[in-house]
N, C-alpha and C. Protein backbone atom coordinates (compact mmCIF):
# COMPACT_ATOMS: atom_id res chain seq x y z
N MET A 1 142.79 81.22 94.05
CA MET A 1 141.99 82.15 94.91
C MET A 1 142.01 81.49 96.31
N GLU A 2 142.34 82.38 97.21
CA GLU A 2 142.47 81.85 98.57
C GLU A 2 141.19 82.31 99.37
N LEU A 3 140.64 81.34 100.06
CA LEU A 3 139.39 81.44 100.76
C LEU A 3 139.57 82.15 102.13
N GLY A 4 140.69 81.90 102.78
CA GLY A 4 140.91 82.56 104.05
C GLY A 4 140.20 81.72 105.13
N ASN A 5 139.88 82.32 106.23
CA ASN A 5 139.24 81.53 107.34
C ASN A 5 137.67 81.68 107.22
N ILE A 6 137.10 80.55 106.80
CA ILE A 6 135.66 80.47 106.43
C ILE A 6 134.80 80.66 107.67
N SER A 7 135.30 80.23 108.79
CA SER A 7 134.40 80.22 110.05
C SER A 7 134.40 81.65 110.62
N GLN A 8 135.39 82.43 110.45
CA GLN A 8 135.59 83.81 110.96
C GLN A 8 135.97 84.64 109.76
N PRO A 9 135.04 85.08 109.01
CA PRO A 9 135.38 85.95 107.79
C PRO A 9 135.81 87.37 108.31
N VAL A 10 136.64 88.00 107.58
CA VAL A 10 137.03 89.38 107.82
C VAL A 10 136.58 90.23 106.64
N TYR A 11 135.73 91.14 106.89
CA TYR A 11 135.10 91.90 105.84
C TYR A 11 135.83 93.30 105.87
N GLY A 12 136.23 93.83 104.71
CA GLY A 12 136.78 95.19 104.60
C GLY A 12 135.63 96.19 104.51
N PRO A 13 136.04 97.51 104.72
CA PRO A 13 135.12 98.49 104.72
C PRO A 13 134.46 98.80 103.27
N GLY A 14 135.12 98.37 102.22
CA GLY A 14 134.53 98.49 100.90
C GLY A 14 134.80 99.94 100.35
N PRO A 15 134.32 100.24 99.22
CA PRO A 15 134.54 101.67 98.75
C PRO A 15 133.84 102.64 99.59
N GLN A 16 134.51 103.72 99.68
CA GLN A 16 133.74 104.79 100.44
C GLN A 16 133.06 105.84 99.48
N ALA A 17 131.82 106.15 99.83
CA ALA A 17 131.07 107.03 99.16
C ALA A 17 131.58 108.46 99.07
N PRO A 18 131.77 109.13 97.99
CA PRO A 18 132.25 110.60 98.02
C PRO A 18 131.14 111.51 98.61
N GLY A 19 131.56 112.63 99.04
CA GLY A 19 130.70 113.65 99.51
C GLY A 19 129.75 114.22 98.35
N SER A 20 128.47 114.23 98.69
CA SER A 20 127.52 114.50 97.67
C SER A 20 126.37 115.19 98.21
N SER A 21 125.53 115.82 97.38
CA SER A 21 124.31 116.49 97.80
C SER A 21 123.19 115.45 97.97
N THR A 22 123.40 114.26 97.41
CA THR A 22 122.40 113.12 97.48
C THR A 22 123.02 111.93 98.08
N PRO A 23 123.21 111.92 99.31
CA PRO A 23 123.94 110.76 100.00
C PRO A 23 123.10 109.54 99.93
N GLY A 24 121.84 109.58 99.89
CA GLY A 24 121.07 108.40 99.78
C GLY A 24 121.26 107.72 98.49
N LEU A 25 121.20 108.42 97.46
CA LEU A 25 121.30 107.90 96.13
C LEU A 25 122.75 107.24 95.92
N VAL A 26 123.77 108.02 96.37
CA VAL A 26 125.15 107.52 96.23
C VAL A 26 125.29 106.24 97.16
N GLY A 27 124.77 106.21 98.25
CA GLY A 27 124.79 105.06 99.08
C GLY A 27 124.15 103.80 98.39
N MET A 28 122.95 104.05 97.80
CA MET A 28 122.31 102.99 97.23
C MET A 28 123.04 102.51 96.01
N VAL A 29 123.71 103.31 95.15
CA VAL A 29 124.49 102.95 94.05
C VAL A 29 125.73 102.16 94.54
N HIS A 30 126.44 102.57 95.52
CA HIS A 30 127.54 101.96 95.97
C HIS A 30 127.19 100.58 96.68
N GLY A 31 126.08 100.49 97.25
CA GLY A 31 125.62 99.20 97.77
C GLY A 31 125.28 98.23 96.71
N PHE A 32 124.55 98.69 95.65
CA PHE A 32 124.44 97.79 94.42
C PHE A 32 125.65 97.31 93.78
N LEU A 33 126.63 98.24 93.59
CA LEU A 33 127.86 97.88 92.96
C LEU A 33 128.65 96.91 93.78
N GLN A 34 128.62 97.08 95.14
CA GLN A 34 129.30 96.17 96.10
C GLN A 34 128.55 94.76 96.08
N LEU A 35 127.27 94.78 95.89
CA LEU A 35 126.53 93.41 95.83
C LEU A 35 126.74 92.73 94.48
N VAL A 36 126.85 93.47 93.38
CA VAL A 36 127.02 92.83 92.14
C VAL A 36 128.43 92.37 91.97
N GLN A 37 129.39 93.25 92.36
CA GLN A 37 130.76 92.95 92.10
C GLN A 37 131.63 93.22 93.35
N PRO A 38 131.59 92.20 94.26
CA PRO A 38 132.31 92.60 95.53
C PRO A 38 133.80 92.41 95.49
N ASN A 39 134.37 91.86 94.53
CA ASN A 39 135.88 91.66 94.44
C ASN A 39 136.47 92.72 93.46
N ALA A 40 137.68 93.08 93.87
CA ALA A 40 138.39 93.92 92.89
C ALA A 40 138.90 93.15 91.73
N LEU A 41 139.21 93.85 90.59
CA LEU A 41 139.90 93.11 89.51
C LEU A 41 141.17 92.58 89.92
N PRO A 42 141.41 91.18 89.78
CA PRO A 42 142.60 90.65 90.17
C PRO A 42 143.81 91.09 89.31
N ILE A 43 144.79 91.66 89.86
CA ILE A 43 145.97 92.23 89.22
C ILE A 43 146.83 91.03 88.65
N ALA A 44 146.68 89.89 89.32
CA ALA A 44 147.64 88.74 89.12
C ALA A 44 147.25 87.99 87.67
N PHE A 45 146.36 88.62 86.88
CA PHE A 45 146.10 88.04 85.67
C PHE A 45 147.29 87.95 84.71
N GLY A 46 148.13 89.00 84.82
CA GLY A 46 149.34 88.92 83.90
C GLY A 46 149.03 89.13 82.43
N ALA A 47 149.94 88.91 81.66
CA ALA A 47 149.80 89.03 80.12
C ALA A 47 149.34 87.63 79.76
N PRO A 48 148.13 87.64 79.12
CA PRO A 48 147.67 86.26 78.71
C PRO A 48 148.37 85.79 77.52
N VAL A 49 148.92 84.56 77.62
CA VAL A 49 149.63 83.94 76.46
C VAL A 49 148.62 82.98 75.85
N LEU A 50 148.92 82.36 74.73
CA LEU A 50 147.86 81.41 74.07
C LEU A 50 147.68 80.19 74.96
N CYS A 51 148.66 79.70 75.70
CA CYS A 51 148.31 78.52 76.50
C CYS A 51 147.51 78.84 77.65
N CYS A 52 147.47 79.97 78.16
CA CYS A 52 146.76 80.34 79.38
C CYS A 52 145.46 81.11 79.05
N LEU A 53 145.16 81.23 77.72
CA LEU A 53 143.96 82.15 77.34
C LEU A 53 142.65 81.69 77.88
N SER A 54 142.50 80.35 77.83
CA SER A 54 141.27 79.90 78.42
C SER A 54 141.07 80.05 79.92
N PHE A 55 142.11 79.98 80.63
CA PHE A 55 142.09 80.24 82.02
C PHE A 55 141.86 81.74 82.34
N PHE A 56 142.51 82.63 81.52
CA PHE A 56 142.40 84.03 81.67
C PHE A 56 140.81 84.43 81.38
N LEU A 57 140.22 83.86 80.31
CA LEU A 57 138.83 84.15 79.91
C LEU A 57 137.96 83.60 81.02
N SER A 58 138.21 82.43 81.54
CA SER A 58 137.30 81.93 82.67
C SER A 58 137.48 82.75 83.87
N GLN A 59 138.65 83.29 84.27
CA GLN A 59 138.70 84.10 85.38
C GLN A 59 137.97 85.42 85.17
N LEU A 60 138.12 86.03 83.96
CA LEU A 60 137.53 87.25 83.68
C LEU A 60 135.92 87.10 83.60
N LEU A 61 135.43 86.01 83.12
CA LEU A 61 133.96 85.78 83.16
C LEU A 61 133.47 85.57 84.55
N LEU A 62 134.33 84.88 85.40
CA LEU A 62 133.93 84.70 86.80
C LEU A 62 133.98 86.12 87.55
N TYR A 63 134.91 86.97 87.19
CA TYR A 63 134.89 88.37 87.77
C TYR A 63 133.69 89.19 87.39
N GLU A 64 133.31 89.09 86.11
CA GLU A 64 132.01 89.74 85.64
C GLU A 64 130.77 89.16 85.73
N LEU A 65 130.66 88.10 86.53
CA LEU A 65 129.52 87.24 86.67
C LEU A 65 128.25 88.02 87.24
N GLY A 66 128.49 88.95 88.12
CA GLY A 66 127.41 89.66 88.61
C GLY A 66 126.77 90.62 87.57
N PHE A 67 127.68 91.33 86.72
CA PHE A 67 127.12 92.09 85.80
C PHE A 67 126.39 91.35 84.72
N LEU A 68 126.95 90.15 84.34
CA LEU A 68 126.30 89.27 83.29
C LEU A 68 124.90 88.79 83.79
N VAL A 69 124.80 88.47 85.02
CA VAL A 69 123.47 88.08 85.52
C VAL A 69 122.57 89.18 85.52
N CYS A 70 122.96 90.43 85.86
CA CYS A 70 122.07 91.61 85.87
C CYS A 70 121.72 91.89 84.35
N MET A 71 122.62 91.78 83.44
CA MET A 71 122.28 92.04 81.97
C MET A 71 121.33 90.99 81.47
N ALA A 72 121.48 89.73 81.87
CA ALA A 72 120.52 88.63 81.42
C ALA A 72 119.09 89.00 82.02
N ILE A 73 118.98 89.39 83.24
CA ILE A 73 117.66 89.74 83.80
C ILE A 73 117.10 90.92 83.19
N GLY A 74 117.91 91.94 82.81
CA GLY A 74 117.43 93.07 82.10
C GLY A 74 116.99 92.74 80.75
N LEU A 75 117.66 91.95 79.98
CA LEU A 75 117.31 91.58 78.67
C LEU A 75 115.98 90.74 78.64
N LEU A 76 115.72 89.84 79.61
CA LEU A 76 114.55 89.18 79.78
C LEU A 76 113.45 90.13 80.04
N PHE A 77 113.66 91.12 80.87
CA PHE A 77 112.59 92.14 81.32
C PHE A 77 112.26 92.89 79.99
N ILE A 78 113.34 93.39 79.23
CA ILE A 78 113.00 94.15 77.94
C ILE A 78 112.21 93.32 76.97
N ILE A 79 112.49 92.09 76.85
CA ILE A 79 111.79 91.23 75.82
C ILE A 79 110.41 90.76 76.37
N LEU A 80 110.31 90.32 77.65
CA LEU A 80 109.07 89.76 78.17
C LEU A 80 108.02 90.85 78.47
N LEU A 81 108.46 92.00 78.92
CA LEU A 81 107.37 92.98 79.30
C LEU A 81 106.58 93.38 78.22
N PRO A 82 106.99 93.83 77.06
CA PRO A 82 106.12 94.18 75.95
C PRO A 82 105.38 92.92 75.42
N LEU A 83 105.94 91.71 75.40
CA LEU A 83 105.32 90.56 75.08
C LEU A 83 104.01 90.23 75.91
N VAL A 84 104.25 90.35 77.27
CA VAL A 84 103.17 90.09 78.19
C VAL A 84 102.03 91.24 78.06
N GLY A 85 102.52 92.42 77.81
CA GLY A 85 101.59 93.49 77.67
C GLY A 85 100.75 93.40 76.47
N CYS A 86 101.39 92.90 75.42
CA CYS A 86 100.60 92.72 74.14
C CYS A 86 99.64 91.66 74.31
N CYS A 87 100.02 90.50 75.05
CA CYS A 87 98.99 89.49 75.24
C CYS A 87 97.91 89.97 76.01
N PHE A 88 98.12 90.75 77.20
CA PHE A 88 97.03 91.26 77.91
C PHE A 88 96.16 92.23 77.15
N CYS A 89 96.68 93.01 76.34
CA CYS A 89 95.99 93.95 75.46
C CYS A 89 95.21 93.38 74.39
N CYS A 90 95.66 92.34 73.74
CA CYS A 90 94.95 91.69 72.63
C CYS A 90 94.04 90.53 73.14
N CYS A 91 94.35 89.92 74.17
CA CYS A 91 93.54 88.84 74.62
C CYS A 91 92.91 89.06 76.00
N ARG A 92 92.10 90.14 76.06
CA ARG A 92 91.48 90.39 77.40
C ARG A 92 90.46 89.40 77.68
N CYS A 93 90.76 88.36 78.27
CA CYS A 93 89.70 87.30 78.55
C CYS A 93 89.41 87.25 79.94
């Protein structure tokens, strides 16, 4: 992975939002997706062979890191929200 010039970064325009009747919602979705997964899928993965399988999996997990973090936060929310609500409902002290 090449970092390029760190002191003077060059930012690309990113994905363009298609024309829509709800441009605010489309812009919000594209902003979220660019925040969660700013890099494109590296094409240089090639065909994984057994000796490079661990490297392939580590690169793929690093690529999907944003979605994995969002999924972990969502699962915590799904599990903790009913638990906390039940505690407030049953133990109104």
